[in-house]
């Protein structure tokens, strides 16, 4: 039996499929996401990529509308932006300043140098946005370990288990490096 203090966060990447099912209608997406909250029970629920629009301004607009609808319903479901968050400008200026989501994925390899990732995480934290230091499955063990140091130093709320598409190896590389830090 798990310790009562163990309350995992449920973070589910839906790759825009809810938006497809709901015809990219923010209200319908928000209704569906709010209906998941009782199922998640006491566990915080984050939905990554509920919609996938064909251009960045539309993506920001849809995510912001969904977020507003969820808050109006009193829902605690949180939205994570992933698609169209590819550069420092996308992450900090466009998605964070628009407050279009609750958490934004910062794709370490796409931002260039590790200093850009650190600056993006710090910007998010300083502007009320949760930072998810993500990346790709194509990274190396060395880049994964480097990302751990950046995430710990900048205090990202979440860090992708990487490298690879499996779970065990990436999780252990990241977890072991966190323990060393």
C-alpha atoms as a PDB file:
ATOM      1  CA  UNK A   1       0.000   0.000   0.000  1.00  0.00           C
ATOM      2  CA  UNK A   2       1.293   3.451  -0.914  1.00  0.00           C
ATOM      3  CA  UNK A   3       2.131   5.993   1.739  1.00  0.00           C
ATOM      4  CA  UNK A   4      -0.780   8.416   2.233  1.00  0.00           C
ATOM      5  CA  UNK A   5       1.530  11.326   1.379  1.00  0.00           C
ATOM      6  CA  UNK A   6       2.028   9.923  -2.132  1.00  0.00           C
ATOM      7  CA  UNK A   7      -0.233  11.935  -4.425  1.00  0.00           C
ATOM      8  CA  UNK A   8       0.942  11.578  -8.015  1.00  0.00           C
ATOM      9  CA  UNK A   9       0.139  14.129 -10.660  1.00  0.00           C
ATOM     10  CA  UNK A  10      -1.583  12.683 -13.723  1.00  0.00           C
ATOM     11  CA  UNK A  11      -0.040  14.181 -16.866  1.00  0.00           C
ATOM     12  CA  UNK A  12      -1.579  12.822 -20.059  1.00  0.00           C
ATOM     13  CA  UNK A  13      -0.496  13.856 -23.552  1.00  0.00           C
ATOM     14  CA  UNK A  14      -3.471  13.460 -25.881  1.00  0.00           C
ATOM     15  CA  UNK A  15      -1.759  14.784 -29.039  1.00  0.00           C
ATOM     16  CA  UNK A  16      -4.687  17.009 -30.043  1.00  0.00           C
ATOM     17  CA  UNK A  17      -7.151  14.131 -30.282  1.00  0.00           C
ATOM     18  CA  UNK A  18      -9.732  15.696 -27.964  1.00  0.00           C
ATOM     19  CA  UNK A  19      -9.817  18.727 -30.250  1.00  0.00           C
ATOM     20  CA  UNK A  20     -10.412  16.483 -33.253  1.00  0.00           C
ATOM     21  CA  UNK A  21     -13.267  14.665 -31.503  1.00  0.00           C
ATOM     22  CA  UNK A  22     -14.799  17.973 -30.380  1.00  0.00           C
ATOM     23  CA  UNK A  23     -14.390  19.772 -33.702  1.00  0.00           C
ATOM     24  CA  UNK A  24     -11.934  22.283 -32.203  1.00  0.00           C
ATOM     25  CA  UNK A  25     -14.771  23.812 -30.162  1.00  0.00           C
ATOM     26  CA  UNK A  26     -13.269  25.200 -26.953  1.00  0.00           C
ATOM     27  CA  UNK A  27     -16.471  24.780 -24.957  1.00  0.00           C
ATOM     28  CA  UNK A  28     -16.877  21.131 -25.924  1.00  0.00           C
ATOM     29  CA  UNK A  29     -13.216  20.414 -25.129  1.00  0.00           C
ATOM     30  CA  UNK A  30     -13.551  22.131 -21.743  1.00  0.00           C
ATOM     31  CA  UNK A  31     -16.733  20.178 -20.974  1.00  0.00           C
ATOM     32  CA  UNK A  32     -14.990  16.905 -21.724  1.00  0.00           C
ATOM     33  CA  UNK A  33     -11.871  17.788 -19.715  1.00  0.00           C
ATOM     34  CA  UNK A  34     -13.995  18.892 -16.757  1.00  0.00           C
ATOM     35  CA  UNK A  35     -15.795  15.537 -16.896  1.00  0.00           C
ATOM     36  CA  UNK A  36     -12.455  13.791 -16.319  1.00  0.00           C
ATOM     37  CA  UNK A  37     -11.816  15.564 -13.033  1.00  0.00           C
ATOM     38  CA  UNK A  38     -14.053  13.314 -10.877  1.00  0.00           C
ATOM     39  CA  UNK A  39     -12.386  10.275 -12.421  1.00  0.00           C
ATOM     40  CA  UNK A  40      -8.947  11.626 -11.491  1.00  0.00           C
ATOM     41  CA  UNK A  41     -10.291  12.094  -7.959  1.00  0.00           C
ATOM     42  CA  UNK A  42      -7.776  13.725  -5.632  1.00  0.00           C
ATOM     43  CA  UNK A  43      -4.960  13.520  -8.166  1.00  0.00           C
ATOM     44  CA  UNK A  44      -4.016  16.727 -10.003  1.00  0.00           C
ATOM     45  CA  UNK A  45      -4.805  16.292 -13.711  1.00  0.00           C
ATOM     46  CA  UNK A  46      -2.765  17.905 -16.486  1.00  0.00           C
ATOM     47  CA  UNK A  47      -3.805  17.422 -20.115  1.00  0.00           C
ATOM     48  CA  UNK A  48      -1.075  18.074 -22.648  1.00  0.00           C
ATOM     49  CA  UNK A  49      -2.097  19.081 -26.145  1.00  0.00           C
ATOM     50  CA  UNK A  50      -5.889  18.916 -25.904  1.00  0.00           C
ATOM     51  CA  UNK A  51      -6.069  20.632 -29.302  1.00  0.00           C
ATOM     52  CA  UNK A  52      -3.694  20.964 -32.226  1.00  0.00           C
ATOM     53  CA  UNK A  53      -4.510  23.955 -34.432  1.00  0.00           C
ATOM     54  CA  UNK A  54      -2.984  24.561 -37.838  1.00  0.00           C
ATOM     55  CA  UNK A  55      -1.223  27.779 -36.794  1.00  0.00           C
ATOM     56  CA  UNK A  56       0.274  29.217 -33.621  1.00  0.00           C
ATOM     57  CA  UNK A  57      -2.121  32.169 -33.101  1.00  0.00           C
ATOM     58  CA  UNK A  58      -5.099  29.815 -33.360  1.00  0.00           C
ATOM     59  CA  UNK A  59      -3.437  27.357 -30.964  1.00  0.00           C
ATOM     60  CA  UNK A  60      -2.937  30.102 -28.374  1.00  0.00           C
ATOM     61  CA  UNK A  61      -6.512  31.322 -28.850  1.00  0.00           C
ATOM     62  CA  UNK A  62      -8.000  27.836 -28.453  1.00  0.00           C
ATOM     63  CA  UNK A  63      -5.926  26.942 -25.387  1.00  0.00           C
ATOM     64  CA  UNK A  64      -6.779  30.260 -23.730  1.00  0.00           C
ATOM     65  CA  UNK A  65     -10.494  29.743 -24.419  1.00  0.00           C
ATOM     66  CA  UNK A  66     -10.398  26.203 -23.014  1.00  0.00           C
ATOM     67  CA  UNK A  67      -8.543  27.410 -19.937  1.00  0.00           C
ATOM     68  CA  UNK A  68     -11.081  30.210 -19.366  1.00  0.00           C
ATOM     69  CA  UNK A  69     -13.978  27.750 -19.746  1.00  0.00           C
ATOM     70  CA  UNK A  70     -12.397  25.329 -17.269  1.00  0.00           C
ATOM     71  CA  UNK A  71     -11.889  28.078 -14.694  1.00  0.00           C
ATOM     72  CA  UNK A  72     -15.451  29.354 -15.196  1.00  0.00           C
ATOM     73  CA  UNK A  73     -16.668  25.812 -14.399  1.00  0.00           C
ATOM     74  CA  UNK A  74     -14.521  25.745 -11.261  1.00  0.00           C
ATOM     75  CA  UNK A  75     -12.420  22.944 -12.733  1.00  0.00           C
ATOM     76  CA  UNK A  76      -8.877  22.331 -11.532  1.00  0.00           C
ATOM     77  CA  UNK A  77      -7.840  20.464 -14.718  1.00  0.00           C
ATOM     78  CA  UNK A  78      -4.709  22.096 -16.091  1.00  0.00           C
ATOM     79  CA  UNK A  79      -3.710  22.592 -19.712  1.00  0.00           C
ATOM     80  CA  UNK A  80      -0.173  21.934 -20.979  1.00  0.00           C
ATOM     81  CA  UNK A  81       0.955  23.574 -24.219  1.00  0.00           C
ATOM     82  CA  UNK A  82       3.267  21.553 -26.429  1.00  0.00           C
ATOM     83  CA  UNK A  83       2.512  22.088 -30.113  1.00  0.00           C
ATOM     84  CA  UNK A  84       3.846  25.364 -31.510  1.00  0.00           C
ATOM     85  CA  UNK A  85       6.150  25.795 -28.467  1.00  0.00           C
ATOM     86  CA  UNK A  86       9.409  25.384 -30.343  1.00  0.00           C
ATOM     87  CA  UNK A  87      11.516  28.468 -29.685  1.00  0.00           C
ATOM     88  CA  UNK A  88      12.299  30.716 -26.738  1.00  0.00           C
ATOM     89  CA  UNK A  89      10.035  33.332 -28.321  1.00  0.00           C
ATOM     90  CA  UNK A  90       7.149  30.837 -28.597  1.00  0.00           C
ATOM     91  CA  UNK A  91       7.483  29.679 -24.997  1.00  0.00           C
ATOM     92  CA  UNK A  92       8.052  32.905 -23.128  1.00  0.00           C
ATOM     93  CA  UNK A  93       6.593  35.615 -25.261  1.00  0.00           C
ATOM     94  CA  UNK A  94       3.691  33.994 -27.002  1.00  0.00           C
ATOM     95  CA  UNK A  95       2.299  31.238 -24.754  1.00  0.00           C
ATOM     96  CA  UNK A  96       3.459  32.522 -21.352  1.00  0.00           C
ATOM     97  CA  UNK A  97       2.609  36.166 -21.861  1.00  0.00           C
ATOM     98  CA  UNK A  98      -0.792  35.188 -23.277  1.00  0.00           C
ATOM     99  CA  UNK A  99      -1.395  32.986 -20.186  1.00  0.00           C
ATOM    100  CA  UNK A 100      -2.973  30.539 -22.631  1.00  0.00           C
ATOM    101  CA  UNK A 101      -2.188  27.482 -20.516  1.00  0.00           C
ATOM    102  CA  UNK A 102      -1.109  26.404 -17.049  1.00  0.00           C
ATOM    103  CA  UNK A 103       2.140  24.730 -18.060  1.00  0.00           C
ATOM    104  CA  UNK A 104       4.305  25.024 -21.154  1.00  0.00           C
ATOM    105  CA  UNK A 105       6.671  22.408 -22.512  1.00  0.00           C
ATOM    106  CA  UNK A 106      10.162  23.743 -23.068  1.00  0.00           C
ATOM    107  CA  UNK A 107      11.794  21.548 -25.684  1.00  0.00           C
ATOM    108  CA  UNK A 108      15.432  21.649 -24.701  1.00  0.00           C
ATOM    109  CA  UNK A 109      16.935  20.547 -28.055  1.00  0.00           C
ATOM    110  CA  UNK A 110      14.815  23.050 -30.010  1.00  0.00           C
ATOM    111  CA  UNK A 111      15.906  26.040 -27.961  1.00  0.00           C
ATOM    112  CA  UNK A 112      19.559  25.703 -28.899  1.00  0.00           C
ATOM    113  CA  UNK A 113      22.020  26.073 -26.045  1.00  0.00           C
ATOM    114  CA  UNK A 114      21.148  24.906 -22.554  1.00  0.00           C
ATOM    115  CA  UNK A 115      21.264  28.544 -21.381  1.00  0.00           C
ATOM    116  CA  UNK A 116      18.130  29.226 -23.463  1.00  0.00           C
ATOM    117  CA  UNK A 117      16.309  26.406 -21.688  1.00  0.00           C
ATOM    118  CA  UNK A 118      17.326  27.781 -18.290  1.00  0.00           C
ATOM    119  CA  UNK A 119      16.231  31.298 -19.272  1.00  0.00           C
ATOM    120  CA  UNK A 120      12.885  29.970 -20.531  1.00  0.00           C
ATOM    121  CA  UNK A 121      12.231  28.060 -17.288  1.00  0.00           C
ATOM    122  CA  UNK A 122      13.137  31.122 -15.214  1.00  0.00           C
ATOM    123  CA  UNK A 123      10.922  33.365 -17.344  1.00  0.00           C
ATOM    124  CA  UNK A 124       7.991  31.002 -16.909  1.00  0.00           C
ATOM    125  CA  UNK A 125       8.499  30.790 -13.147  1.00  0.00           C
ATOM    126  CA  UNK A 126       8.728  34.582 -12.868  1.00  0.00           C
ATOM    127  CA  UNK A 127       5.490  35.013 -14.830  1.00  0.00           C
ATOM    128  CA  UNK A 128       3.205  32.489 -13.136  1.00  0.00           C
ATOM    129  CA  UNK A 129       3.602  29.732 -15.727  1.00  0.00           C
ATOM    130  CA  UNK A 130       4.582  26.199 -14.746  1.00  0.00           C
ATOM    131  CA  UNK A 131       7.598  24.959 -16.702  1.00  0.00           C
ATOM    132  CA  UNK A 132       7.854  21.455 -18.123  1.00  0.00           C
ATOM    133  CA  UNK A 133      11.386  20.878 -19.324  1.00  0.00           C
ATOM    134  CA  UNK A 134      10.761  18.396 -22.089  1.00  0.00           C
ATOM    135  CA  UNK A 135      12.651  17.443 -25.165  1.00  0.00           C
ATOM    136  CA  UNK A 136      12.720  14.502 -27.480  1.00  0.00           C
ATOM    137  CA  UNK A 137      13.193  10.775 -27.361  1.00  0.00           C
ATOM    138  CA  UNK A 138      16.259  11.186 -29.579  1.00  0.00           C
ATOM    139  CA  UNK A 139      18.483  12.738 -26.947  1.00  0.00           C
ATOM    140  CA  UNK A 140      21.460  11.030 -25.388  1.00  0.00           C
ATOM    141  CA  UNK A 141      22.203   9.945 -21.853  1.00  0.00           C
ATOM    142  CA  UNK A 142      24.603  12.894 -21.583  1.00  0.00           C
ATOM    143  CA  UNK A 143      21.989  15.439 -22.673  1.00  0.00           C
ATOM    144  CA  UNK A 144      19.444  13.895 -20.303  1.00  0.00           C
ATOM    145  CA  UNK A 145      21.851  14.238 -17.383  1.00  0.00           C
ATOM    146  CA  UNK A 146      22.668  17.829 -18.388  1.00  0.00           C
ATOM    147  CA  UNK A 147      18.952  18.626 -18.512  1.00  0.00           C
ATOM    148  CA  UNK A 148      18.543  17.372 -14.954  1.00  0.00           C
ATOM    149  CA  UNK A 149      21.085  19.920 -13.718  1.00  0.00           C
ATOM    150  CA  UNK A 150      19.372  22.727 -15.622  1.00  0.00           C
ATOM    151  CA  UNK A 151      15.916  21.701 -14.360  1.00  0.00           C
ATOM    152  CA  UNK A 152      17.041  21.455 -10.756  1.00  0.00           C
ATOM    153  CA  UNK A 153      18.924  24.765 -10.901  1.00  0.00           C
ATOM    154  CA  UNK A 154      16.050  26.649 -12.552  1.00  0.00           C
ATOM    155  CA  UNK A 155      13.398  24.717 -10.553  1.00  0.00           C
ATOM    156  CA  UNK A 156      11.268  23.429 -13.415  1.00  0.00           C
ATOM    157  CA  UNK A 157       8.044  21.866 -12.157  1.00  0.00           C
ATOM    158  CA  UNK A 158       8.416  18.847 -14.432  1.00  0.00           C
ATOM    159  CA  UNK A 159      11.180  17.089 -16.346  1.00  0.00           C
ATOM    160  CA  UNK A 160      10.756  14.560 -19.131  1.00  0.00           C
ATOM    161  CA  UNK A 161      12.142  11.083 -18.482  1.00  0.00           C
ATOM    162  CA  UNK A 162      14.579  10.634 -21.355  1.00  0.00           C
ATOM    163  CA  UNK A 163      16.174   9.480 -23.596  1.00  0.00           C
ATOM    164  CA  UNK A 164      14.186   6.911 -25.516  1.00  0.00           C
ATOM    165  CA  UNK A 165      10.575   5.897 -26.002  1.00  0.00           C
ATOM    166  CA  UNK A 166      10.530   3.357 -23.193  1.00  0.00           C
ATOM    167  CA  UNK A 167       9.986   4.294 -19.599  1.00  0.00           C
ATOM    168  CA  UNK A 168      12.421   2.428 -17.369  1.00  0.00           C
ATOM    169  CA  UNK A 169      15.732   3.499 -18.882  1.00  0.00           C
ATOM    170  CA  UNK A 170      14.917   7.205 -19.256  1.00  0.00           C
ATOM    171  CA  UNK A 171      13.297   7.365 -15.847  1.00  0.00           C
ATOM    172  CA  UNK A 172      16.311   5.768 -14.156  1.00  0.00           C
ATOM    173  CA  UNK A 173      18.838   7.983 -15.966  1.00  0.00           C
ATOM    174  CA  UNK A 174      16.968  11.104 -14.886  1.00  0.00           C
ATOM    175  CA  UNK A 175      16.171   9.830 -11.385  1.00  0.00           C
ATOM    176  CA  UNK A 176      19.759   8.709 -10.727  1.00  0.00           C
ATOM    177  CA  UNK A 177      21.119  12.069 -11.838  1.00  0.00           C
ATOM    178  CA  UNK A 178      18.603  13.868  -9.628  1.00  0.00           C
ATOM    179  CA  UNK A 179      19.793  11.789  -6.680  1.00  0.00           C
ATOM    180  CA  UNK A 180      23.413  12.683  -7.492  1.00  0.00           C
ATOM    181  CA  UNK A 181      22.537  16.392  -7.638  1.00  0.00           C
END
